[in-house]
Each structure stands twice: as structure tokens, then as C-alpha cells.
Protein backbone atom coordinates (compact mmCIF):
# COMPACT_ATOMS: atom_id res chain seq x y z
CA MET A 1 127.01 101.90 90.87
CA LYS A 2 123.80 99.96 90.36
CA LEU A 3 121.54 102.91 91.22
CA GLU A 4 123.17 105.34 88.82
CA GLY A 5 120.65 106.79 86.39
CA LYS A 6 117.68 105.11 88.08
CA ASN A 7 114.50 107.01 88.89
CA ILE A 8 113.64 106.11 92.47
CA GLY A 9 110.32 106.98 94.05
CA TYR A 10 110.97 107.60 97.75
CA VAL A 11 107.82 107.59 99.86
CA PHE A 12 107.60 108.89 103.42
CA THR A 13 104.68 107.80 105.58
CA GLY A 14 103.76 108.64 109.16
CA SER A 15 106.35 106.81 111.23
CA PHE A 16 108.02 110.12 112.03
CA CYS A 17 110.65 108.72 114.41
CA THR A 18 112.63 107.35 111.44
CA PHE A 19 112.50 110.43 109.18
CA ASP A 20 116.03 111.56 110.01
CA LYS A 21 117.47 108.10 109.17
CA SER A 22 115.48 107.98 105.97
CA ILE A 23 116.60 111.43 104.86
CA GLU A 24 120.23 110.39 105.39
CA GLU A 25 119.61 107.43 103.05
CA VAL A 26 118.11 109.76 100.43
CA LYS A 27 121.39 111.71 100.51
CA LYS A 28 123.37 108.48 99.95
CA ILE A 29 121.12 107.47 97.06
CA ILE A 30 121.67 110.87 95.42
CA LYS A 31 125.45 110.32 95.80
CA GLU A 32 124.96 107.10 93.82
CA LYS A 33 123.76 109.38 90.97
CA ALA A 34 120.12 108.32 91.07
CA ASN A 35 117.17 110.67 90.60
CA VAL A 36 114.94 110.64 93.68
CA ILE A 37 111.27 111.52 93.27
CA PRO A 38 109.97 112.33 96.76
CA ILE A 39 106.43 111.39 97.76
CA MET A 40 104.73 111.99 101.11
CA SER A 41 101.51 110.69 102.63
CA TYR A 42 98.97 113.25 103.77
CA HIS A 43 100.07 112.96 107.40
CA SER A 44 103.79 113.04 106.75
CA TYR A 45 103.30 116.16 104.60
CA THR A 46 101.13 118.08 107.06
CA LEU A 47 101.70 116.99 110.67
CA ASP A 48 104.16 118.57 113.06
CA THR A 49 105.31 116.07 115.70
CA LYS A 50 107.81 115.82 118.53
CA PHE A 51 110.25 114.55 115.87
CA GLY A 52 110.08 117.74 113.80
CA GLU A 53 108.00 120.21 111.86
CA ALA A 54 106.47 119.08 108.58
CA GLN A 55 107.65 122.18 106.69
CA LYS A 56 111.24 121.62 107.81
CA PHE A 57 111.17 118.06 106.46
CA ILE A 58 109.53 119.22 103.22
CA ASN A 59 112.15 121.92 102.67
CA GLU A 60 115.03 119.54 103.43
CA ILE A 61 113.75 116.75 101.19
CA GLU A 62 113.06 119.08 98.26
CA GLU A 63 116.47 120.72 98.62
CA ILE A 64 118.31 117.38 98.75
CA THR A 65 116.46 115.82 95.81
CA GLY A 66 115.99 118.92 93.68
CA ASN A 67 112.40 117.75 93.09
CA LYS A 68 109.05 118.91 94.41
CA ILE A 69 107.30 116.44 96.70
CA ILE A 70 104.28 114.61 95.35
CA HIS A 71 101.70 114.92 98.13
CA SER A 72 98.30 114.33 96.56
CA ILE A 73 96.49 111.37 95.01
CA GLN A 74 96.21 113.33 91.76
CA GLY A 75 99.95 113.94 91.77
CA ALA A 76 100.76 110.28 92.45
CA GLU A 77 98.39 108.69 89.92
CA PRO A 78 100.52 109.47 86.79
CA ILE A 79 103.61 107.72 88.20
CA GLY A 80 102.75 104.42 86.48
CA PRO A 81 101.25 105.67 83.21
CA LYS A 82 104.15 108.07 82.68
CA LYS A 83 106.70 105.41 83.76
CA MET A 84 108.28 107.87 86.18
CA THR A 85 109.96 105.30 88.46
CA ASP A 86 112.24 102.30 87.97
CA ILE A 87 111.90 101.31 91.61
CA MET A 88 110.05 102.70 94.61
CA ILE A 89 110.73 102.54 98.33
CA ILE A 90 108.41 103.36 101.20
CA ALA A 91 110.70 104.34 104.05
CA PRO A 92 109.32 104.55 106.61
CA ALA A 93 106.37 102.30 105.84
CA SER A 94 103.93 102.82 108.71
CA GLY A 95 101.61 100.11 109.95
CA ASN A 96 98.69 102.06 108.49
CA THR A 97 100.25 102.11 105.01
CA ILE A 98 101.25 98.43 105.22
CA ALA A 99 97.66 97.48 106.14
CA LYS A 100 96.27 99.53 103.26
CA LEU A 101 98.66 98.02 100.70
CA ALA A 102 97.96 94.49 101.93
CA ASN A 103 94.23 95.05 101.57
CA ASP A 104 94.28 97.13 98.35
CA ILE A 105 93.05 100.34 99.98
CA ILE A 106 94.23 103.22 97.82
CA ASP A 107 93.29 106.46 99.57
CA THR A 108 96.53 108.35 100.19
CA PRO A 109 99.32 109.73 97.99
CA ALA A 110 101.58 106.95 99.34
CA THR A 111 99.25 104.08 98.45
CA MET A 112 98.34 105.61 95.09
CA ALA A 113 102.03 106.04 94.27
CA ALA A 114 102.67 102.39 95.12
CA LYS A 115 99.68 101.13 93.13
CA SER A 116 100.54 103.28 90.12
CA HIS A 117 104.20 102.22 90.24
CA LEU A 118 103.33 98.51 90.52
CA ARG A 119 101.25 98.57 87.33
CA ASN A 120 104.58 98.48 85.45
CA GLU A 121 105.71 95.34 87.34
CA ASN A 122 108.58 97.29 88.91
CA PRO A 123 109.92 96.52 92.39
CA LEU A 124 108.42 98.13 95.49
CA VAL A 125 110.63 98.11 98.58
CA ILE A 126 109.09 98.28 102.05
CA ALA A 127 111.03 99.63 105.04
CA ILE A 128 108.80 98.73 107.98
CA SER A 129 108.46 101.01 110.98
CA THR A 130 105.45 100.17 113.13
CA ASN A 131 104.62 99.60 116.78
CA ASN A 132 102.24 96.73 115.96
CA GLY A 133 104.33 94.69 113.52
CA LEU A 134 104.37 91.67 115.82
CA SER A 135 100.68 91.95 116.70
CA GLY A 136 97.77 93.30 114.64
CA ASN A 137 99.85 94.13 111.57
CA ALA A 138 101.73 90.82 111.38
CA ILE A 139 99.07 89.40 109.07
CA ASN A 140 99.47 92.33 106.67
CA ILE A 141 103.24 92.02 106.63
CA GLY A 142 102.79 88.33 105.86
CA LYS A 143 100.51 89.17 102.93
CA LEU A 144 103.03 91.61 101.46
CA LEU A 145 105.89 89.13 101.91
CA ASN A 146 103.94 86.81 99.61
CA MET A 147 103.04 89.37 96.94
CA ARG A 148 104.89 89.69 93.68
CA ASN A 149 107.23 92.69 93.23
CA TYR A 150 107.37 93.48 96.98
CA TYR A 151 110.78 93.47 98.68
CA PHE A 152 111.69 94.25 102.29
CA VAL A 153 114.53 96.17 103.89
CA PRO A 154 115.81 93.90 106.71
CA PHE A 155 114.14 94.69 110.02
CA LYS A 156 114.29 93.84 113.70
CA GLN A 157 112.46 94.46 116.94
CA ASP A 158 112.66 98.12 117.81
CA ASN A 159 112.92 97.80 121.59
CA PRO A 160 111.86 94.38 122.89
CA ILE A 161 111.66 95.54 126.51
CA THR A 162 109.50 98.66 126.29
CA LYS A 163 107.90 98.03 122.86
CA PRO A 164 107.81 94.22 122.43
CA ARG A 165 105.59 94.26 119.29
CA SER A 166 107.38 97.08 117.50
CA ILE A 167 109.60 96.46 114.47
CA VAL A 168 111.77 98.82 112.48
CA PHE A 169 113.90 98.66 109.34
CA ASP A 170 117.69 98.90 109.50
CA SER A 171 118.58 101.89 107.34
CA GLN A 172 122.09 100.63 106.55
CA TYR A 173 120.46 98.03 104.25
CA ILE A 174 118.37 100.41 102.14
CA ILE A 175 120.77 100.79 99.22
CA LYS A 176 121.64 97.07 99.14
CA THR A 177 117.93 96.18 99.25
CA LEU A 178 117.25 98.51 96.32
CA GLU A 179 120.10 96.97 94.34
CA TYR A 180 118.89 93.42 95.01
CA ALA A 181 115.27 94.32 94.22
CA LEU A 182 116.31 95.79 90.86
CA GLU A 183 117.63 92.30 90.08
CA GLY A 184 114.39 90.69 91.29
CA LYS A 185 115.96 89.34 94.48
CA GLN A 186 115.11 89.71 98.17
CA ILE A 187 118.14 90.56 100.28
CA GLN A 188 118.67 88.06 103.10
CA PRO A 189 118.28 87.74 105.98
CA ILE A 190 115.07 89.77 106.28
CA LEU A 191 114.91 89.34 110.06
CA LEU A 192 117.93 90.73 111.89
CA GLN A 193 119.20 89.76 115.31
CA LEU A 194 119.37 92.32 118.08
């Protein structure tokens, strides 16, 4: 069990359609005997959407992890200085968050958590979920693919017919990606076939 005893920062950002998949992966990570520190962006913490109510997600995540959610910049800033995380994953990583990370814009709990975590040279795993991954955000994904300490959960086109520029992570690879990243390796292939 490579995740046993690890402190894993688990960040949720505003790609709400993948929250249920992501929460299921949190449950699996807990079964691996890891400590999950939940973090939410402003929008993921406060917005109700057609995919669910924010308070329901908050309650479920806090119950599963046994930890309070970090949901402010002030709460996220100590992650690095206090060495709170061995590895961090942003799942889902929205296009907005990917763009901010690629351009060093630190103005949300999610981006502050990532920045603070990275100061310790620890791995940051990105689980992409964005409608513009094969258009406007492709350049930002390319930047992150070339940055040190960034690792990607394998991803594929979401629905090439109705959303031809949309890409989404495959949740079944989250634990394996975390294990590889802890060894300083990128799981392959990154791009999955339909």
C-alpha cells in the first residue's frame, strides 16, 4: 500500500460534473490508509449546481475524510510551511484553475494550496476536467506538462460529438497516478483512447 500513512491534499475545483467520481476516489484513498486533507475552491465550496448542493458535498467530504475542508486563502497558505501534505491532487482541475496555475495566478484557496504545497518540491497531480482543453486552455495544459513536480491523471475527450474540445480525467487512474507521482514518475499513457 504505497499511499498508507501519506498526507494527501485533495482539491476540488468548479468542474462540478465530476464531483461524484472524485468523491468515490477519496473513499478509495482512505481505504488505502492515507490521510486526506480536503480543500475546495471558492466556487466549489459555495455554488449549488444541477449536479448537487454545495452543502451536501461539503458534509459528505468532511464525513468521509474526518477533516474540515480548507476553503480560504488564509487556510491554504500554511500547507507548505507546516509541511501538511506529501502529495496533492486537484480533482477535478477546472480550466480556470489550470489557467491560473500555468500563469502563476494565486487568488483562490485551490491555487494557494497548490503553490504552498509546491514550495516543498512535492508532487502535484492534475485531474483535468474542462470544456476547453482542446482549444483555449490547450496552451496552459502544455505549460503544466512541462513544469517540474506536475503530474497528470490520464485523460481523454469527454464527448467528441457534442463537446469536441472537452477533456476529462479517467478516475480509475487516480490512485495509480498518485503512486507513480510519489516516485517522481508520470504514469503513461497520459492520453487515453475512446
